Every structure is written in C-alpha cells, then in structure tokens.
N, C-alpha and C. Protein backbone atom coordinates (compact mmCIF):
# COMPACT_ATOMS: atom_id res chain seq x y z
N UNK A 1 9.86 19.93 -5.72
CA UNK A 1 8.94 19.96 -6.83
C UNK A 1 7.49 20.09 -6.35
N UNK A 2 7.19 19.39 -5.27
CA UNK A 2 5.84 19.50 -4.72
C UNK A 2 5.55 20.92 -4.28
N UNK A 3 6.56 21.57 -3.69
CA UNK A 3 6.38 22.94 -3.23
C UNK A 3 6.09 23.90 -4.38
N UNK A 4 6.49 23.53 -5.59
CA UNK A 4 6.23 24.34 -6.77
C UNK A 4 4.91 23.99 -7.45
N UNK A 5 4.18 23.04 -6.85
CA UNK A 5 2.86 22.69 -7.36
C UNK A 5 2.83 21.50 -8.31
N UNK A 6 3.94 20.82 -8.50
CA UNK A 6 3.96 19.65 -9.37
C UNK A 6 3.36 18.46 -8.63
N UNK A 7 2.67 17.61 -9.38
CA UNK A 7 2.16 16.34 -8.83
C UNK A 7 3.27 15.31 -9.03
N UNK A 8 3.96 15.00 -7.95
CA UNK A 8 5.16 14.15 -8.04
C UNK A 8 5.23 13.19 -6.87
N UNK A 9 5.74 12.00 -7.13
CA UNK A 9 6.04 11.02 -6.09
C UNK A 9 7.39 10.41 -6.41
N UNK A 10 7.93 9.66 -5.46
CA UNK A 10 9.27 9.09 -5.65
C UNK A 10 9.28 7.60 -5.35
N UNK A 11 10.15 6.91 -6.06
CA UNK A 11 10.48 5.51 -5.78
C UNK A 11 11.91 5.49 -5.30
N UNK A 12 12.14 4.78 -4.22
CA UNK A 12 13.49 4.67 -3.66
C UNK A 12 13.75 3.23 -3.27
N UNK A 13 15.01 2.83 -3.38
CA UNK A 13 15.38 1.46 -3.09
C UNK A 13 15.01 0.99 -1.70
N UNK A 14 15.04 1.89 -0.73
CA UNK A 14 14.77 1.47 0.64
C UNK A 14 13.28 1.43 0.99
N UNK A 15 12.40 1.80 0.05
CA UNK A 15 10.97 1.72 0.30
C UNK A 15 10.53 0.26 0.35
N UNK A 16 9.54 -0.02 1.14
CA UNK A 16 8.97 -1.35 1.18
C UNK A 16 8.21 -1.66 -0.11
N UNK A 17 8.01 -2.94 -0.38
CA UNK A 17 7.35 -3.36 -1.61
C UNK A 17 5.95 -2.79 -1.73
N UNK A 18 5.19 -2.77 -0.65
CA UNK A 18 3.83 -2.21 -0.69
C UNK A 18 3.83 -0.74 -1.09
N UNK A 19 4.75 0.02 -0.51
CA UNK A 19 4.83 1.45 -0.84
C UNK A 19 5.20 1.63 -2.30
N UNK A 20 6.18 0.86 -2.80
CA UNK A 20 6.58 0.97 -4.21
C UNK A 20 5.40 0.64 -5.13
N UNK A 21 4.67 -0.41 -4.81
CA UNK A 21 3.51 -0.79 -5.63
C UNK A 21 2.44 0.29 -5.61
N UNK A 22 2.22 0.89 -4.45
CA UNK A 22 1.21 1.96 -4.34
C UNK A 22 1.62 3.17 -5.17
N UNK A 23 2.89 3.51 -5.13
CA UNK A 23 3.38 4.65 -5.92
C UNK A 23 3.22 4.35 -7.41
N UNK A 24 3.60 3.17 -7.85
CA UNK A 24 3.46 2.81 -9.26
C UNK A 24 2.00 2.80 -9.69
N UNK A 25 1.12 2.29 -8.85
CA UNK A 25 -0.30 2.29 -9.16
C UNK A 25 -0.82 3.72 -9.32
N UNK A 26 -0.43 4.60 -8.41
CA UNK A 26 -0.85 6.00 -8.51
C UNK A 26 -0.35 6.66 -9.78
N UNK A 27 0.85 6.32 -10.19
CA UNK A 27 1.41 6.88 -11.43
C UNK A 27 0.61 6.39 -12.64
N UNK A 28 0.35 5.08 -12.69
CA UNK A 28 -0.40 4.51 -13.81
C UNK A 28 -1.83 5.06 -13.88
N UNK A 29 -2.41 5.32 -12.72
CA UNK A 29 -3.79 5.80 -12.68
C UNK A 29 -3.90 7.31 -12.84
N UNK A 30 -2.77 8.00 -12.93
CA UNK A 30 -2.79 9.44 -13.17
C UNK A 30 -2.93 10.31 -11.93
N UNK A 31 -2.71 9.74 -10.75
CA UNK A 31 -2.80 10.54 -9.53
C UNK A 31 -1.70 11.61 -9.50
N UNK A 32 -0.61 11.35 -10.20
CA UNK A 32 0.47 12.32 -10.37
C UNK A 32 1.15 12.01 -11.69
N UNK A 33 1.85 12.99 -12.26
CA UNK A 33 2.42 12.78 -13.59
C UNK A 33 3.95 12.84 -13.63
N UNK A 34 4.58 12.97 -12.50
CA UNK A 34 6.04 12.94 -12.44
C UNK A 34 6.44 11.89 -11.41
N UNK A 35 7.25 10.96 -11.84
CA UNK A 35 7.76 9.91 -10.97
C UNK A 35 9.28 10.03 -10.93
N UNK A 36 9.81 10.23 -9.75
CA UNK A 36 11.25 10.32 -9.57
C UNK A 36 11.71 9.01 -8.95
N UNK A 37 12.58 8.31 -9.65
CA UNK A 37 13.10 7.03 -9.16
C UNK A 37 14.59 7.18 -8.95
N UNK A 38 15.06 6.79 -7.80
CA UNK A 38 16.48 6.93 -7.51
C UNK A 38 17.14 5.57 -7.36
N UNK A 39 18.25 5.46 -7.98
CA UNK A 39 19.14 4.32 -7.83
C UNK A 39 20.52 4.93 -8.03
N UNK A 40 21.25 5.08 -6.98
CA UNK A 40 22.45 5.91 -7.00
C UNK A 40 23.63 5.35 -7.76
N UNK A 41 23.58 4.10 -8.16
CA UNK A 41 24.72 3.52 -8.85
C UNK A 41 24.42 3.33 -10.33
N UNK A 42 25.33 3.77 -11.17
CA UNK A 42 25.21 3.53 -12.60
C UNK A 42 25.51 2.06 -12.85
N UNK A 43 24.65 1.34 -13.57
CA UNK A 43 24.93 -0.07 -13.83
C UNK A 43 26.24 -0.23 -14.60
N UNK A 44 26.98 -1.26 -14.28
CA UNK A 44 28.27 -1.48 -14.92
C UNK A 44 28.14 -2.13 -16.30
N UNK A 45 26.99 -2.72 -16.58
CA UNK A 45 26.83 -3.31 -17.91
C UNK A 45 25.73 -2.59 -18.68
N UNK A 46 25.92 -2.52 -19.97
CA UNK A 46 25.04 -1.74 -20.84
C UNK A 46 23.61 -2.26 -20.83
N UNK A 47 23.41 -3.57 -20.84
CA UNK A 47 22.06 -4.12 -20.87
C UNK A 47 21.25 -3.69 -19.64
N UNK A 48 21.87 -3.70 -18.48
CA UNK A 48 21.17 -3.28 -17.26
C UNK A 48 20.80 -1.80 -17.33
N UNK A 49 21.70 -0.98 -17.88
CA UNK A 49 21.41 0.44 -18.01
C UNK A 49 20.23 0.66 -18.95
N UNK A 50 20.26 0.01 -20.10
CA UNK A 50 19.18 0.18 -21.08
C UNK A 50 17.86 -0.32 -20.50
N UNK A 51 17.88 -1.42 -19.78
CA UNK A 51 16.67 -1.92 -19.15
C UNK A 51 16.12 -0.90 -18.16
N UNK A 52 17.00 -0.31 -17.37
CA UNK A 52 16.57 0.66 -16.35
C UNK A 52 15.98 1.91 -16.99
N UNK A 53 16.65 2.48 -17.97
CA UNK A 53 16.12 3.72 -18.56
C UNK A 53 14.91 3.44 -19.44
N UNK A 54 14.77 2.20 -19.90
CA UNK A 54 13.60 1.85 -20.70
C UNK A 54 12.31 1.94 -19.93
N UNK A 55 12.39 1.97 -18.62
CA UNK A 55 11.18 2.07 -17.79
C UNK A 55 10.60 3.47 -17.79
N UNK A 56 11.31 4.44 -18.35
CA UNK A 56 10.81 5.82 -18.31
C UNK A 56 9.68 6.05 -19.30
N UNK A 57 9.64 5.33 -20.40
CA UNK A 57 8.59 5.51 -21.40
C UNK A 57 8.03 4.15 -21.79
N UNK A 58 6.77 3.95 -21.54
CA UNK A 58 6.13 2.66 -21.85
C UNK A 58 4.87 2.88 -22.67
N UNK A 59 4.47 1.83 -23.37
CA UNK A 59 3.21 1.82 -24.12
C UNK A 59 3.12 2.99 -25.09
N UNK A 60 4.20 3.25 -25.81
CA UNK A 60 4.19 4.32 -26.81
C UNK A 60 4.34 5.72 -26.26
N UNK A 61 4.52 5.84 -24.95
CA UNK A 61 4.66 7.16 -24.35
C UNK A 61 6.14 7.48 -24.17
N UNK A 62 6.46 8.75 -24.24
CA UNK A 62 7.86 9.16 -24.08
C UNK A 62 8.20 9.33 -22.61
N UNK A 63 9.48 9.33 -22.34
CA UNK A 63 9.96 9.55 -20.98
C UNK A 63 11.39 10.05 -21.03
N UNK A 64 11.88 10.54 -19.94
CA UNK A 64 13.25 11.04 -19.85
C UNK A 64 13.96 10.35 -18.70
N UNK A 65 15.21 10.04 -18.92
CA UNK A 65 16.04 9.45 -17.87
C UNK A 65 17.26 10.34 -17.69
N UNK A 66 17.60 10.61 -16.46
CA UNK A 66 18.78 11.39 -16.13
C UNK A 66 19.71 10.52 -15.32
N UNK A 67 20.95 10.45 -15.73
CA UNK A 67 21.95 9.65 -15.01
C UNK A 67 23.04 10.58 -14.53
N UNK A 68 23.38 10.45 -13.28
CA UNK A 68 24.46 11.23 -12.70
C UNK A 68 25.56 10.25 -12.36
N UNK A 69 26.75 10.54 -12.83
CA UNK A 69 27.85 9.59 -12.60
C UNK A 69 29.09 10.33 -12.14
N UNK A 70 29.91 9.59 -11.46
CA UNK A 70 31.21 10.12 -11.04
C UNK A 70 32.20 9.96 -12.18
N UNK A 71 33.35 10.58 -12.05
CA UNK A 71 34.39 10.41 -13.07
C UNK A 71 34.79 8.94 -13.18
N UNK A 72 34.79 8.24 -12.08
CA UNK A 72 35.15 6.82 -12.10
C UNK A 72 34.16 5.97 -12.86
N UNK A 73 32.90 6.37 -12.86
CA UNK A 73 31.88 5.62 -13.59
C UNK A 73 31.83 5.98 -15.07
N UNK A 74 32.45 7.06 -15.45
CA UNK A 74 32.40 7.53 -16.83
C UNK A 74 32.95 6.51 -17.81
N UNK A 75 33.78 5.60 -17.37
CA UNK A 75 34.35 4.60 -18.27
C UNK A 75 33.26 3.69 -18.86
N UNK A 76 32.11 3.60 -18.21
CA UNK A 76 31.01 2.78 -18.72
C UNK A 76 30.20 3.52 -19.78
N UNK A 77 30.37 4.81 -19.88
CA UNK A 77 29.55 5.61 -20.78
C UNK A 77 29.79 5.27 -22.24
N UNK A 78 31.00 4.97 -22.63
CA UNK A 78 31.31 4.69 -24.04
C UNK A 78 30.47 3.53 -24.57
N UNK A 79 30.41 2.43 -23.85
CA UNK A 79 29.62 1.28 -24.32
C UNK A 79 28.13 1.59 -24.33
N UNK A 80 27.68 2.41 -23.39
CA UNK A 80 26.27 2.82 -23.36
C UNK A 80 25.95 3.66 -24.58
N UNK A 81 26.81 4.61 -24.92
CA UNK A 81 26.58 5.48 -26.07
C UNK A 81 26.50 4.68 -27.37
N UNK A 82 27.26 3.62 -27.47
CA UNK A 82 27.25 2.80 -28.69
C UNK A 82 25.92 2.06 -28.86
N UNK A 83 25.25 1.72 -27.77
CA UNK A 83 24.02 0.93 -27.84
C UNK A 83 22.74 1.74 -27.85
N UNK A 84 22.75 2.92 -27.24
CA UNK A 84 21.53 3.71 -27.12
C UNK A 84 21.29 4.45 -28.43
N UNK A 85 20.07 4.30 -28.95
CA UNK A 85 19.74 4.91 -30.25
C UNK A 85 19.37 6.38 -30.12
N UNK A 86 18.83 6.76 -28.99
CA UNK A 86 18.43 8.15 -28.80
C UNK A 86 19.63 9.00 -28.39
N UNK A 87 19.45 10.27 -28.52
CA UNK A 87 20.50 11.23 -28.17
C UNK A 87 20.72 11.24 -26.67
N UNK A 88 21.96 11.30 -26.28
CA UNK A 88 22.32 11.45 -24.88
C UNK A 88 23.09 12.76 -24.75
N UNK A 89 22.56 13.63 -23.93
CA UNK A 89 23.22 14.91 -23.68
C UNK A 89 24.14 14.75 -22.48
N UNK A 90 25.38 15.16 -22.64
CA UNK A 90 26.36 15.03 -21.57
C UNK A 90 26.67 16.41 -21.02
N UNK A 91 26.47 16.57 -19.73
CA UNK A 91 26.80 17.82 -19.03
C UNK A 91 27.98 17.53 -18.12
N UNK A 92 29.00 18.34 -18.18
CA UNK A 92 30.21 18.07 -17.42
C UNK A 92 30.30 18.85 -16.12
N UNK A 93 29.26 19.53 -15.73
CA UNK A 93 29.30 20.31 -14.49
C UNK A 93 29.02 19.47 -13.29
C-alpha cells in the first residue's frame, strides 16, 4: 500500500508497547489515514469479536473491519451475524 502512495502504518501483536503507542498516536494525529491491524485468530466468542471490530470506527467516524477465517472457524460466524447490526459481506474465495 505504501508503494502505491497510501499513508499507512500497521499494528501487529509482536510489536513492543512503545511502537504500538507511537503508531496509534500517529493515526490519531493524522500522520497517516490507514491503519492495518493484524490479529490472525478469529475470536471464539461474539463479544470479543464485536469489541475488536468496534475499534475501527470511533467518535462518530466510520471504519471497516475485514476478517479472514478458515472453514474451521466459520462455525463462530452464525452467532456473530446474529449480534452485529451492520451488514457483513461474506466472500467464499
């Protein structure tokens, strides 16, 4: 994305706390407008999933969350769909 000229940074689980805080500060201050956060496991409970995706849009601003799951994790999708009020697009590729 950076190679295409987008202002983007990433949050990853293995980053140190200082680095994560610096990235979040830069995002809040407008140093870049795309934040990619990776957490490779789909939460097994609906509340954790909703909490995680709720971080994409704050203070009246919109955001998008993309979840990639294996066929084995798909069993959790039904309970998530029942609780999430917004539309969830499912791609099977």
